Amino acid sequence: MSVKAKDVADRMGVSVSTIYKAFNGAEDINEETRAAILETSAEMGYTGRPRQRFSKRACVFMGRMEAPHVTYYLYEVMIAFKQVAEKYGYEVIIRSLEDEDSLSYNKIMEQGHFEGALVLGPNDSSSFFSQLERIAYPAVLVDNYVESKMISCVTSDNLLGMGMVVSHLIQLGHKRIGFINGEQFSHTSRERFAGYLNAITLGGLTYDPALVMNGDFSEHSGGVCAEALLEKGVTALVCASDLMAIGAIRRLKALGLQVPRDMSVTGFDDIRIATYISPTLTTVRINIKDVGYRAFMCLKDLIEYKNAARVVETPRLMVRESTAPPPNA
């Protein structure tokens, strides 16, 4: 049974019109409320409604839509993509990658009469990902890469972004900096680890593999890894996603530690809830609306002109309350 706007409204105690406003980018709704609505919608599996009749169709394949694994960064990218696609006359249908193992990409596109697709979330080891080198319909990947004339890619500069946040911690005086990475077989994880390793080396520190752990981009995994790295004497935690950083902060608090007095924590992506937690999160900002916009424009170019492209978003370091000099500095 599909989730409706009324289901989200009832859960949150707001009107249905407020739910629609959050998805449509209305200016008369504050950012905190919008962030909470998107978070609840992601957990419940609600993805918005079409606002008009459409002559064309695009599909968005999303991995890990179920809580607690929903990746809010990719969910917000999907919302931004959907908003601009509708302005260009495209109906956008959301499908979960977990439900597509038995069907091929080309068959899904053919049966659904889709002109192209946005693919969010599969790691390199998934059966769905392995099909992408042989697709017959255009696709755009976000934070992933496949060499193909039918595929465009929109990625963040993970090496630069990770370099910014690690350098920030080194400048504060941290020498034992733990790294909580994402899934092992993720393109994003490999790039963010390379950025961490490069920044540690350039900062004059010795790389210690014992200070690196793999999570799965979820809040829970961030908490588990944070507790394990705490025992290894780190004074700062660099997390490959904001959601893992939030999990780390919550776990550290549960253990009686204060962030950043006892431990500095950083994230990556700057999802909306990064500014609403306490302490507010120092992170690497990727312009999520721009990623969604560029992803659609890349798909449109592929559909209309067969032009494949690779777009790299420039990150920004957002210094907030979750970082400080190490204890006894």
C-alpha atoms as a PDB file:
ATOM      1  CA  MET A   1       0.000   0.000   0.000  1.00  0.00           C
ATOM      2  CA  SER A   2       1.494   3.317  -1.091  1.00  0.00           C
ATOM      3  CA  VAL A   3       2.129   6.074   1.425  1.00  0.00           C
ATOM      4  CA  LYS A   4       0.086   9.253   0.914  1.00  0.00           C
ATOM      5  CA  ALA A   5       0.666  12.840   1.986  1.00  0.00           C
ATOM      6  CA  LYS A   6      -2.131  12.457   4.548  1.00  0.00           C
ATOM      7  CA  ASP A   7      -0.230   9.593   6.197  1.00  0.00           C
ATOM      8  CA  VAL A   8       2.814  11.837   6.688  1.00  0.00           C
ATOM      9  CA  ALA A   9       0.615  14.727   7.836  1.00  0.00           C
ATOM     10  CA  ASP A  10      -1.110  12.528  10.418  1.00  0.00           C
ATOM     11  CA  ARG A  11       2.233  11.249  11.729  1.00  0.00           C
ATOM     12  CA  MET A  12       3.583  14.790  12.157  1.00  0.00           C
ATOM     13  CA  GLY A  13       0.398  16.550  13.239  1.00  0.00           C
ATOM     14  CA  VAL A  14       0.416  19.074  10.360  1.00  0.00           C
ATOM     15  CA  SER A  15      -1.880  19.763   7.420  1.00  0.00           C
ATOM     16  CA  VAL A  16      -1.645  17.982   4.080  1.00  0.00           C
ATOM     17  CA  SER A  17      -1.007  21.347   2.405  1.00  0.00           C
ATOM     18  CA  THR A  18       2.097  21.773   4.606  1.00  0.00           C
ATOM     19  CA  ILE A  19       3.430  18.452   3.289  1.00  0.00           C
ATOM     20  CA  TYR A  20       2.898  19.602  -0.294  1.00  0.00           C
ATOM     21  CA  LYS A  21       4.595  22.932   0.433  1.00  0.00           C
ATOM     22  CA  ALA A  22       7.668  21.145   1.801  1.00  0.00           C
ATOM     23  CA  PHE A  23       8.029  19.109  -1.390  1.00  0.00           C
ATOM     24  CA  ASN A  24       7.312  21.988  -3.758  1.00  0.00           C
ATOM     25  CA  GLY A  25       9.816  24.440  -2.263  1.00  0.00           C
ATOM     26  CA  ALA A  26       7.230  26.954  -1.029  1.00  0.00           C
ATOM     27  CA  GLU A  27       8.744  30.016   0.637  1.00  0.00           C
ATOM     28  CA  ASP A  28       6.163  30.252   3.437  1.00  0.00           C
ATOM     29  CA  ILE A  29       7.433  27.169   5.259  1.00  0.00           C
ATOM     30  CA  ASN A  30      10.499  27.373   7.496  1.00  0.00           C
ATOM     31  CA  GLU A  31      13.543  25.221   6.817  1.00  0.00           C
ATOM     32  CA  GLU A  32      13.352  23.327  10.111  1.00  0.00           C
ATOM     33  CA  THR A  33       9.795  22.193   9.368  1.00  0.00           C
ATOM     34  CA  ARG A  34      10.722  21.300   5.790  1.00  0.00           C
ATOM     35  CA  ALA A  35      13.702  19.248   6.968  1.00  0.00           C
ATOM     36  CA  ALA A  36      11.543  17.367   9.476  1.00  0.00           C
ATOM     37  CA  ILE A  37       8.923  16.637   6.807  1.00  0.00           C
ATOM     38  CA  LEU A  38      11.512  15.323   4.343  1.00  0.00           C
ATOM     39  CA  GLU A  39      13.066  13.169   7.060  1.00  0.00           C
ATOM     40  CA  THR A  40       9.711  11.663   8.076  1.00  0.00           C
ATOM     41  CA  SER A  41       8.671  11.245   4.434  1.00  0.00           C
ATOM     42  CA  ALA A  42      11.884   9.391   3.666  1.00  0.00           C
ATOM     43  CA  GLU A  43      11.342   7.033   6.592  1.00  0.00           C
ATOM     44  CA  MET A  44       7.752   6.334   5.527  1.00  0.00           C
ATOM     45  CA  GLY A  45       8.517   6.033   1.802  1.00  0.00           C
ATOM     46  CA  TYR A  46       6.472   9.030   0.614  1.00  0.00           C
ATOM     47  CA  THR A  47       7.976  10.759  -2.432  1.00  0.00           C
ATOM     48  CA  GLY A  48       5.528  13.525  -3.339  1.00  0.00           C
ATOM     49  CA  ARG A  49       2.782  13.784  -5.932  1.00  0.00           C
ATOM     50  CA  PRO A  50       2.659  14.990  -9.554  1.00  0.00           C
ATOM     51  CA  ARG A  51       1.429  18.563  -9.876  1.00  0.00           C
ATOM     52  CA  GLN A  52       0.248  18.469 -13.512  1.00  0.00           C
ATOM     53  CA  ARG A  53      -0.358  16.230 -16.515  1.00  0.00           C
ATOM     54  CA  PHE A  54       2.854  15.082 -18.181  1.00  0.00           C
ATOM     55  CA  SER A  55       3.796  14.042 -21.704  1.00  0.00           C
ATOM     56  CA  LYS A  56       7.114  12.356 -20.782  1.00  0.00           C
ATOM     57  CA  ARG A  57       8.292   9.979 -18.076  1.00  0.00           C
ATOM     58  CA  ALA A  58      11.529   9.555 -16.137  1.00  0.00           C
ATOM     59  CA  CYS A  59      12.341   6.973 -13.486  1.00  0.00           C
ATOM     60  CA  VAL A  60      14.320   7.437 -10.297  1.00  0.00           C
ATOM     61  CA  PHE A  61      15.853   4.251  -8.920  1.00  0.00           C
ATOM     62  CA  MET A  62      16.655   4.619  -5.247  1.00  0.00           C
ATOM     63  CA  GLY A  63      18.541   2.214  -3.019  1.00  0.00           C
ATOM     64  CA  ARG A  64      17.930   1.778   0.714  1.00  0.00           C
ATOM     65  CA  MET A  65      14.626   3.627   0.925  1.00  0.00           C
ATOM     66  CA  GLU A  66      13.641   1.870   4.140  1.00  0.00           C
ATOM     67  CA  ALA A  67      14.564   3.185   7.589  1.00  0.00           C
ATOM     68  CA  PRO A  68      17.111   3.109   9.151  1.00  0.00           C
ATOM     69  CA  HIS A  69      19.174   2.950   5.951  1.00  0.00           C
ATOM     70  CA  VAL A  70      17.575   5.797   4.000  1.00  0.00           C
ATOM     71  CA  THR A  71      20.247   8.178   2.769  1.00  0.00           C
ATOM     72  CA  TYR A  72      18.807  11.663   3.277  1.00  0.00           C
ATOM     73  CA  TYR A  73      21.356  13.281   0.972  1.00  0.00           C
ATOM     74  CA  LEU A  74      20.197  11.161  -1.976  1.00  0.00           C
ATOM     75  CA  TYR A  75      16.572  11.589  -0.937  1.00  0.00           C
ATOM     76  CA  GLU A  76      16.948  15.366  -1.097  1.00  0.00           C
ATOM     77  CA  VAL A  77      18.692  15.041  -4.482  1.00  0.00           C
ATOM     78  CA  MET A  78      15.676  13.064  -5.692  1.00  0.00           C
ATOM     79  CA  ILE A  79      13.282  15.798  -4.520  1.00  0.00           C
ATOM     80  CA  ALA A  80      15.331  18.500  -6.299  1.00  0.00           C
ATOM     81  CA  PHE A  81      15.504  16.377  -9.484  1.00  0.00           C
ATOM     82  CA  LYS A  82      11.759  15.743  -9.366  1.00  0.00           C
ATOM     83  CA  GLN A  83      10.922  19.425  -8.981  1.00  0.00           C
ATOM     84  CA  VAL A  84      12.906  20.549 -12.022  1.00  0.00           C
ATOM     85  CA  ALA A  85      11.826  17.538 -14.121  1.00  0.00           C
ATOM     86  CA  GLU A  86       8.165  18.402 -13.583  1.00  0.00           C
ATOM     87  CA  LYS A  87       8.800  21.939 -14.815  1.00  0.00           C
ATOM     88  CA  TYR A  88      10.041  20.426 -18.082  1.00  0.00           C
ATOM     89  CA  GLY A  89       6.966  18.222 -18.454  1.00  0.00           C
ATOM     90  CA  TYR A  90       8.334  14.963 -17.062  1.00  0.00           C
ATOM     91  CA  GLU A  91       6.368  12.709 -14.773  1.00  0.00           C
ATOM     92  CA  VAL A  92       8.828  11.191 -12.292  1.00  0.00           C
ATOM     93  CA  ILE A  93       8.238   7.695 -10.930  1.00  0.00           C
ATOM     94  CA  ILE A  94      10.229   6.483  -7.914  1.00  0.00           C
ATOM     95  CA  ARG A  95      11.219   2.815  -7.703  1.00  0.00           C
ATOM     96  CA  SER A  96      13.234   1.038  -5.031  1.00  0.00           C
ATOM     97  CA  LEU A  97      16.316  -0.836  -6.185  1.00  0.00           C
ATOM     98  CA  GLU A  98      15.604  -3.500  -3.574  1.00  0.00           C
ATOM     99  CA  ASP A  99      12.513  -4.501  -5.581  1.00  0.00           C
ATOM    100  CA  GLU A 100      14.238  -4.740  -8.964  1.00  0.00           C
ATOM    101  CA  ASP A 101      16.651  -7.659  -8.619  1.00  0.00           C
ATOM    102  CA  SER A 102      14.580  -9.923 -10.871  1.00  0.00           C
ATOM    103  CA  LEU A 103      14.109  -7.388 -13.678  1.00  0.00           C
ATOM    104  CA  SER A 104      16.696  -5.845 -15.964  1.00  0.00           C
ATOM    105  CA  TYR A 105      17.133  -2.094 -16.245  1.00  0.00           C
ATOM    106  CA  ASN A 106      16.195  -2.174 -19.938  1.00  0.00           C
ATOM    107  CA  LYS A 107      13.041  -4.215 -19.283  1.00  0.00           C
ATOM    108  CA  ILE A 108      11.887  -1.847 -16.529  1.00  0.00           C
ATOM    109  CA  MET A 109      12.458   1.158 -18.789  1.00  0.00           C
ATOM    110  CA  GLU A 110      10.620  -0.491 -21.679  1.00  0.00           C
ATOM    111  CA  GLN A 111       7.637  -1.621 -19.619  1.00  0.00           C
ATOM    112  CA  GLY A 112       7.328   1.752 -17.869  1.00  0.00           C
ATOM    113  CA  HIS A 113       7.691   3.799 -21.075  1.00  0.00           C
ATOM    114  CA  PHE A 114      10.492   5.789 -19.456  1.00  0.00           C
ATOM    115  CA  GLU A 115      12.776   7.975 -21.553  1.00  0.00           C
ATOM    116  CA  GLY A 116      15.606   7.989 -19.030  1.00  0.00           C
ATOM    117  CA  ALA A 117      16.484   7.423 -15.394  1.00  0.00           C
ATOM    118  CA  LEU A 118      18.278   8.841 -12.389  1.00  0.00           C
ATOM    119  CA  VAL A 119      20.069   6.100 -10.433  1.00  0.00           C
ATOM    120  CA  LEU A 120      20.779   6.786  -6.758  1.00  0.00           C
ATOM    121  CA  GLY A 121      22.471   4.572  -4.245  1.00  0.00           C
ATOM    122  CA  PRO A 122      23.612   1.216  -5.685  1.00  0.00           C
ATOM    123  CA  ASN A 123      27.096   0.093  -4.670  1.00  0.00           C
ATOM    124  CA  ASP A 124      29.547  -1.531  -7.059  1.00  0.00           C
ATOM    125  CA  SER A 125      28.696  -5.069  -5.949  1.00  0.00           C
ATOM    126  CA  SER A 126      24.951  -4.897  -6.646  1.00  0.00           C
ATOM    127  CA  SER A 127      23.440  -6.865  -9.521  1.00  0.00           C
ATOM    128  CA  PHE A 128      21.662  -3.706 -10.702  1.00  0.00           C
ATOM    129  CA  PHE A 129      24.911  -1.753 -10.950  1.00  0.00           C
ATOM    130  CA  SER A 130      26.548  -4.459 -13.070  1.00  0.00           C
ATOM    131  CA  GLN A 131      23.926  -3.919 -15.791  1.00  0.00           C
ATOM    132  CA  LEU A 132      24.721  -0.267 -16.350  1.00  0.00           C
ATOM    133  CA  GLU A 133      27.520  -0.791 -18.862  1.00  0.00           C
ATOM    134  CA  ARG A 134      25.013  -2.428 -21.256  1.00  0.00           C
ATOM    135  CA  ILE A 135      21.966  -0.191 -20.969  1.00  0.00           C
ATOM    136  CA  ALA A 136      19.828   0.928 -23.904  1.00  0.00           C
ATOM    137  CA  TYR A 137      18.142   3.875 -22.156  1.00  0.00           C
ATOM    138  CA  PRO A 138      19.922   7.021 -20.869  1.00  0.00           C
ATOM    139  CA  ALA A 139      20.802   7.225 -17.191  1.00  0.00           C
ATOM    140  CA  VAL A 140      22.423   9.686 -14.801  1.00  0.00           C
ATOM    141  CA  LEU A 141      24.365   8.543 -11.743  1.00  0.00           C
ATOM    142  CA  VAL A 142      24.980  10.657  -8.650  1.00  0.00           C
ATOM    143  CA  ASP A 143      28.204  10.044  -6.696  1.00  0.00           C
ATOM    144  CA  ASN A 144      29.036   7.076  -8.870  1.00  0.00           C
ATOM    145  CA  TYR A 145      30.792   6.499 -12.185  1.00  0.00           C
ATOM    146  CA  VAL A 146      30.420   4.158 -15.151  1.00  0.00           C
ATOM    147  CA  GLU A 147      32.179   4.658 -18.477  1.00  0.00           C
ATOM    148  CA  SER A 148      29.370   4.653 -21.070  1.00  0.00           C
ATOM    149  CA  LYS A 149      27.980   6.819 -23.860  1.00  0.00           C
ATOM    150  CA  MET A 150      24.536   6.303 -22.326  1.00  0.00           C
ATOM    151  CA  ILE A 151      25.456   7.516 -18.845  1.00  0.00           C
ATOM    152  CA  SER A 152      26.214  10.921 -17.361  1.00  0.00           C
ATOM    153  CA  CYS A 153      27.579  11.358 -13.851  1.00  0.00           C
ATOM    154  CA  VAL A 154      27.163  14.121 -11.275  1.00  0.00           C
ATOM    155  CA  THR A 155      29.627  13.805  -8.413  1.00  0.00           C
ATOM    156  CA  SER A 156      31.081  15.882  -5.620  1.00  0.00           C
ATOM    157  CA  ASP A 157      34.804  16.540  -5.397  1.00  0.00           C
ATOM    158  CA  ASN A 158      35.283  14.057  -2.579  1.00  0.00           C
ATOM    159  CA  LEU A 159      39.074  14.376  -2.435  1.00  0.00           C
ATOM    160  CA  LEU A 160      38.924  18.152  -2.106  1.00  0.00           C
ATOM    161  CA  GLY A 161      36.073  18.068   0.414  1.00  0.00           C
ATOM    162  CA  MET A 162      37.707  15.488   2.631  1.00  0.00           C
ATOM    163  CA  GLY A 163      40.983  17.392   2.419  1.00  0.00           C
ATOM    164  CA  MET A 164      39.219  20.522   3.687  1.00  0.00           C
ATOM    165  CA  VAL A 165      37.717  18.895   6.752  1.00  0.00           C
ATOM    166  CA  VAL A 166      40.824  16.891   7.733  1.00  0.00           C
ATOM    167  CA  SER A 167      43.029  19.984   7.305  1.00  0.00           C
ATOM    168  CA  HIS A 168      40.623  21.915   9.534  1.00  0.00           C
ATOM    169  CA  LEU A 169      41.078  19.328  12.306  1.00  0.00           C
ATOM    170  CA  ILE A 170      44.860  19.261  11.914  1.00  0.00           C
ATOM    171  CA  GLN A 171      44.949  23.056  12.192  1.00  0.00           C
ATOM    172  CA  LEU A 172      42.996  22.758  15.449  1.00  0.00           C
ATOM    173  CA  GLY A 173      45.773  20.509  16.769  1.00  0.00           C
ATOM    174  CA  HIS A 174      44.340  17.001  16.342  1.00  0.00           C
ATOM    175  CA  LYS A 175      46.891  14.249  15.669  1.00  0.00           C
ATOM    176  CA  ARG A 176      44.807  11.067  16.072  1.00  0.00           C
ATOM    177  CA  ILE A 177      41.946  11.476  13.648  1.00  0.00           C
ATOM    178  CA  GLY A 178      39.628   8.529  13.169  1.00  0.00           C
ATOM    179  CA  PHE A 179      37.726   7.967   9.933  1.00  0.00           C
ATOM    180  CA  ILE A 180      34.266   6.404   9.703  1.00  0.00           C
ATOM    181  CA  ASN A 181      33.786   5.543   6.049  1.00  0.00           C
ATOM    182  CA  GLY A 182      30.718   4.318   4.181  1.00  0.00           C
ATOM    183  CA  GLU A 183      30.143   0.965   2.521  1.00  0.00           C
ATOM    184  CA  GLN A 184      33.242  -0.877   1.393  1.00  0.00           C
ATOM    185  CA  PHE A 185      32.110  -1.319  -2.228  1.00  0.00           C
ATOM    186  CA  SER A 186      30.979   2.261  -2.756  1.00  0.00           C
ATOM    187  CA  HIS A 187      32.616   4.596  -5.264  1.00  0.00           C
ATOM    188  CA  THR A 188      31.975   7.484  -2.882  1.00  0.00           C
ATOM    189  CA  SER A 189      33.625   5.606  -0.003  1.00  0.00           C
ATOM    190  CA  ARG A 190      36.755   4.933  -2.038  1.00  0.00           C
ATOM    191  CA  GLU A 191      37.095   8.585  -3.029  1.00  0.00           C
ATOM    192  CA  ARG A 192      36.459   9.900   0.485  1.00  0.00           C
ATOM    193  CA  PHE A 193      38.978   7.469   1.936  1.00  0.00           C
ATOM    194  CA  ALA A 194      41.539   8.622  -0.651  1.00  0.00           C
ATOM    195  CA  GLY A 195      40.855  12.220   0.397  1.00  0.00           C
ATOM    196  CA  TYR A 196      41.300  11.347   4.076  1.00  0.00           C
ATOM    197  CA  LEU A 197      44.543   9.452   3.418  1.00  0.00           C
ATOM    198  CA  ASN A 198      45.952  12.217   1.241  1.00  0.00           C
ATOM    199  CA  ALA A 199      45.098  14.942   3.764  1.00  0.00           C
ATOM    200  CA  ILE A 200      46.554  12.972   6.691  1.00  0.00           C
ATOM    201  CA  THR A 201      49.818  12.487   4.790  1.00  0.00           C
ATOM    202  CA  LEU A 202      50.052  16.093   3.586  1.00  0.00           C
ATOM    203  CA  GLY A 203      49.309  17.258   7.127  1.00  0.00           C
ATOM    204  CA  GLY A 204      52.401  15.518   8.427  1.00  0.00           C
ATOM    205  CA  LEU A 205      50.591  12.747  10.305  1.00  0.00           C
ATOM    206  CA  THR A 206      51.286   9.029  10.092  1.00  0.00           C
ATOM    207  CA  TYR A 207      48.502   6.952   8.605  1.00  0.00           C
ATOM    208  CA  ASP A 208      47.226   4.291  11.006  1.00  0.00           C
ATOM    209  CA  PRO A 209      44.812   1.758   9.437  1.00  0.00           C
ATOM    210  CA  ALA A 210      43.504   0.919  12.914  1.00  0.00           C
ATOM    211  CA  LEU A 211      41.847   4.352  12.959  1.00  0.00           C
ATOM    212  CA  VAL A 212      39.703   3.607   9.888  1.00  0.00           C
ATOM    213  CA  MET A 213      36.377   1.740  10.016  1.00  0.00           C
ATOM    214  CA  ASN A 214      33.627   1.063   7.486  1.00  0.00           C
ATOM    215  CA  GLY A 215      30.024   1.806   8.327  1.00  0.00           C
ATOM    216  CA  ASP A 216      27.144   1.800   5.851  1.00  0.00           C
ATOM    217  CA  PHE A 217      26.209   5.521   5.772  1.00  0.00           C
ATOM    218  CA  SER A 218      23.509   4.907   8.416  1.00  0.00           C
ATOM    219  CA  GLU A 219      23.173   6.679  11.754  1.00  0.00           C
ATOM    220  CA  HIS A 220      23.438   3.365  13.623  1.00  0.00           C
ATOM    221  CA  SER A 221      26.753   2.436  12.001  1.00  0.00           C
ATOM    222  CA  GLY A 222      28.174   5.849  12.886  1.00  0.00           C
ATOM    223  CA  GLY A 223      27.448   5.211  16.558  1.00  0.00           C
ATOM    224  CA  VAL A 224      28.947   1.715  16.526  1.00  0.00           C
ATOM    225  CA  CYS A 225      32.140   2.866  14.816  1.00  0.00           C
ATOM    226  CA  ALA A 226      32.470   5.919  17.059  1.00  0.00           C
ATOM    227  CA  GLU A 227      32.472   3.765  20.189  1.00  0.00           C
ATOM    228  CA  ALA A 228      35.087   1.405  18.704  1.00  0.00           C
ATOM    229  CA  LEU A 229      37.383   4.258  17.630  1.00  0.00           C
ATOM    230  CA  LEU A 230      37.021   5.968  21.007  1.00  0.00           C
ATOM    231  CA  GLU A 231      38.857   3.015  22.538  1.00  0.00           C
ATOM    232  CA  LYS A 232      41.791   3.666  20.186  1.00  0.00           C
ATOM    233  CA  GLY A 233      42.481   7.109  21.563  1.00  0.00           C
ATOM    234  CA  VAL A 234      41.244   9.336  18.746  1.00  0.00           C
ATOM    235  CA  THR A 235      40.445  12.956  19.525  1.00  0.00           C
ATOM    236  CA  ALA A 236      38.437  13.619  16.359  1.00  0.00           C
ATOM    237  CA  LEU A 237      36.140  11.627  14.097  1.00  0.00           C
ATOM    238  CA  VAL A 238      35.808  12.326  10.388  1.00  0.00           C
ATOM    239  CA  CYS A 239      32.622  10.757   9.035  1.00  0.00           C
ATOM    240  CA  ALA A 240      31.919  10.100   5.352  1.00  0.00           C
ATOM    241  CA  SER A 241      28.307  11.244   5.755  1.00  0.00           C
ATOM    242  CA  ASP A 242      26.344  13.582   8.003  1.00  0.00           C
ATOM    243  CA  LEU A 243      24.031  10.781   9.067  1.00  0.00           C
ATOM    244  CA  MET A 244      26.952   8.725  10.419  1.00  0.00           C
ATOM    245  CA  ALA A 245      28.290  11.856  12.149  1.00  0.00           C
ATOM    246  CA  ILE A 246      24.920  12.370  13.840  1.00  0.00           C
ATOM    247  CA  GLY A 247      24.975   8.747  14.970  1.00  0.00           C
ATOM    248  CA  ALA A 248      28.493   9.250  16.321  1.00  0.00           C
ATOM    249  CA  ILE A 249      27.511  12.366  18.281  1.00  0.00           C
ATOM    250  CA  ARG A 250      24.491  10.664  19.809  1.00  0.00           C
ATOM    251  CA  ARG A 251      26.531   7.621  20.826  1.00  0.00           C
ATOM    252  CA  LEU A 252      29.282   9.750  22.364  1.00  0.00           C
ATOM    253  CA  LYS A 253      26.681  11.668  24.369  1.00  0.00           C
ATOM    254  CA  ALA A 254      25.196   8.377  25.588  1.00  0.00           C
ATOM    255  CA  LEU A 255      28.673   7.419  26.810  1.00  0.00           C
ATOM    256  CA  GLY A 256      28.866  10.622  28.850  1.00  0.00           C
ATOM    257  CA  LEU A 257      31.176  12.569  26.510  1.00  0.00           C
ATOM    258  CA  GLN A 258      30.704  16.105  25.289  1.00  0.00           C
ATOM    259  CA  VAL A 259      31.172  17.149  21.664  1.00  0.00           C
ATOM    260  CA  PRO A 260      33.415  18.974  20.921  1.00  0.00           C
ATOM    261  CA  ARG A 261      35.009  19.283  24.381  1.00  0.00           C
ATOM    262  CA  ASP A 262      35.964  15.603  24.535  1.00  0.00           C
ATOM    263  CA  MET A 263      35.748  14.688  20.863  1.00  0.00           C
ATOM    264  CA  SER A 264      35.394  16.638  17.635  1.00  0.00           C
ATOM    265  CA  VAL A 265      33.095  15.202  14.963  1.00  0.00           C
ATOM    266  CA  THR A 266      32.682  16.150  11.305  1.00  0.00           C
ATOM    267  CA  GLY A 267      30.331  15.034   8.535  1.00  0.00           C
ATOM    268  CA  PHE A 268      29.988  15.274   4.773  1.00  0.00           C
ATOM    269  CA  ASP A 269      27.117  16.516   2.510  1.00  0.00           C
ATOM    270  CA  ASP A 270      25.454  19.161   4.742  1.00  0.00           C
ATOM    271  CA  ILE A 271      21.980  17.659   4.770  1.00  0.00           C
ATOM    272  CA  ARG A 272      19.320  19.880   6.286  1.00  0.00           C
ATOM    273  CA  ILE A 273      19.307  18.319   9.749  1.00  0.00           C
ATOM    274  CA  ALA A 274      23.040  19.068  10.138  1.00  0.00           C
ATOM    275  CA  THR A 275      22.166  22.549  11.408  1.00  0.00           C
ATOM    276  CA  TYR A 276      19.375  21.380  13.719  1.00  0.00           C
ATOM    277  CA  ILE A 277      21.270  18.895  15.881  1.00  0.00           C
ATOM    278  CA  SER A 278      23.186  19.961  18.985  1.00  0.00           C
ATOM    279  CA  PRO A 279      25.975  20.766  18.568  1.00  0.00           C
ATOM    280  CA  THR A 280      25.500  21.929  15.001  1.00  0.00           C
ATOM    281  CA  LEU A 281      27.650  19.870  12.665  1.00  0.00           C
ATOM    282  CA  THR A 282      30.907  20.926  11.033  1.00  0.00           C
ATOM    283  CA  THR A 283      30.680  19.351   7.610  1.00  0.00           C
ATOM    284  CA  VAL A 284      31.449  19.557   3.898  1.00  0.00           C
ATOM    285  CA  ARG A 285      28.662  21.234   2.007  1.00  0.00           C
ATOM    286  CA  ILE A 286      27.458  19.969  -1.347  1.00  0.00           C
ATOM    287  CA  ASN A 287      24.756  22.118  -2.975  1.00  0.00           C
ATOM    288  CA  ILE A 288      22.033  19.473  -3.036  1.00  0.00           C
ATOM    289  CA  LYS A 289      19.538  21.486  -5.085  1.00  0.00           C
ATOM    290  CA  ASP A 290      22.228  22.112  -7.672  1.00  0.00           C
ATOM    291  CA  VAL A 291      23.070  18.392  -7.809  1.00  0.00           C
ATOM    292  CA  GLY A 292      19.412  17.561  -8.499  1.00  0.00           C
ATOM    293  CA  TYR A 293      19.137  20.312 -11.122  1.00  0.00           C
ATOM    294  CA  ARG A 294      22.328  19.275 -12.890  1.00  0.00           C
ATOM    295  CA  ALA A 295      21.317  15.625 -12.785  1.00  0.00           C
ATOM    296  CA  PHE A 296      18.084  16.383 -14.630  1.00  0.00           C
ATOM    297  CA  MET A 297      19.749  18.678 -17.177  1.00  0.00           C
ATOM    298  CA  CYS A 298      22.339  15.968 -17.868  1.00  0.00           C
ATOM    299  CA  LEU A 299      19.545  13.443 -18.392  1.00  0.00           C
ATOM    300  CA  LYS A 300      17.689  15.852 -20.680  1.00  0.00           C
ATOM    301  CA  ASP A 301      20.840  16.317 -22.780  1.00  0.00           C
ATOM    302  CA  LEU A 302      21.289  12.559 -23.010  1.00  0.00           C
ATOM    303  CA  ILE A 303      17.692  12.034 -24.106  1.00  0.00           C
ATOM    304  CA  GLU A 304      17.637  14.864 -26.640  1.00  0.00           C
ATOM    305  CA  TYR A 305      21.207  15.094 -27.904  1.00  0.00           C
ATOM    306  CA  LYS A 306      22.980  11.876 -26.774  1.00  0.00           C
ATOM    307  CA  ASN A 307      25.578  13.986 -24.972  1.00  0.00           C
ATOM    308  CA  ALA A 308      27.156  12.188 -22.008  1.00  0.00           C
ATOM    309  CA  ALA A 309      28.876  14.363 -19.418  1.00  0.00           C
ATOM    310  CA  ARG A 310      30.618  14.231 -16.065  1.00  0.00           C
ATOM    311  CA  VAL A 311      29.838  17.110 -13.702  1.00  0.00           C
ATOM    312  CA  VAL A 312      31.865  17.661 -10.524  1.00  0.00           C
ATOM    313  CA  GLU A 313      30.374  19.810  -7.758  1.00  0.00           C
ATOM    314  CA  THR A 314      32.791  21.992  -5.765  1.00  0.00           C
ATOM    315  CA  PRO A 315      32.418  21.508  -1.980  1.00  0.00           C
ATOM    316  CA  ARG A 316      32.575  24.090   0.807  1.00  0.00           C
ATOM    317  CA  LEU A 317      33.746  23.623   4.377  1.00  0.00           C
ATOM    318  CA  MET A 318      31.053  24.609   6.880  1.00  0.00           C
ATOM    319  CA  VAL A 319      32.636  25.142  10.306  1.00  0.00           C
ATOM    320  CA  ARG A 320      30.077  24.902  13.103  1.00  0.00           C
ATOM    321  CA  GLU A 321      29.957  23.832  16.755  1.00  0.00           C
ATOM    322  CA  SER A 322      31.037  20.173  16.600  1.00  0.00           C
ATOM    323  CA  THR A 323      34.778  20.844  16.235  1.00  0.00           C
ATOM    324  CA  ALA A 324      37.308  22.367  18.639  1.00  0.00           C
ATOM    325  CA  PRO A 325      40.937  21.872  19.693  1.00  0.00           C
ATOM    326  CA  PRO A 326      41.649  18.451  21.273  1.00  0.00           C
ATOM    327  CA  PRO A 327      41.363  18.003  25.056  1.00  0.00           C
ATOM    328  CA  ASN A 328      44.329  19.390  26.990  1.00  0.00           C
ATOM    329  CA  ALA A 329      45.617  21.191  23.886  1.00  0.00           C
END
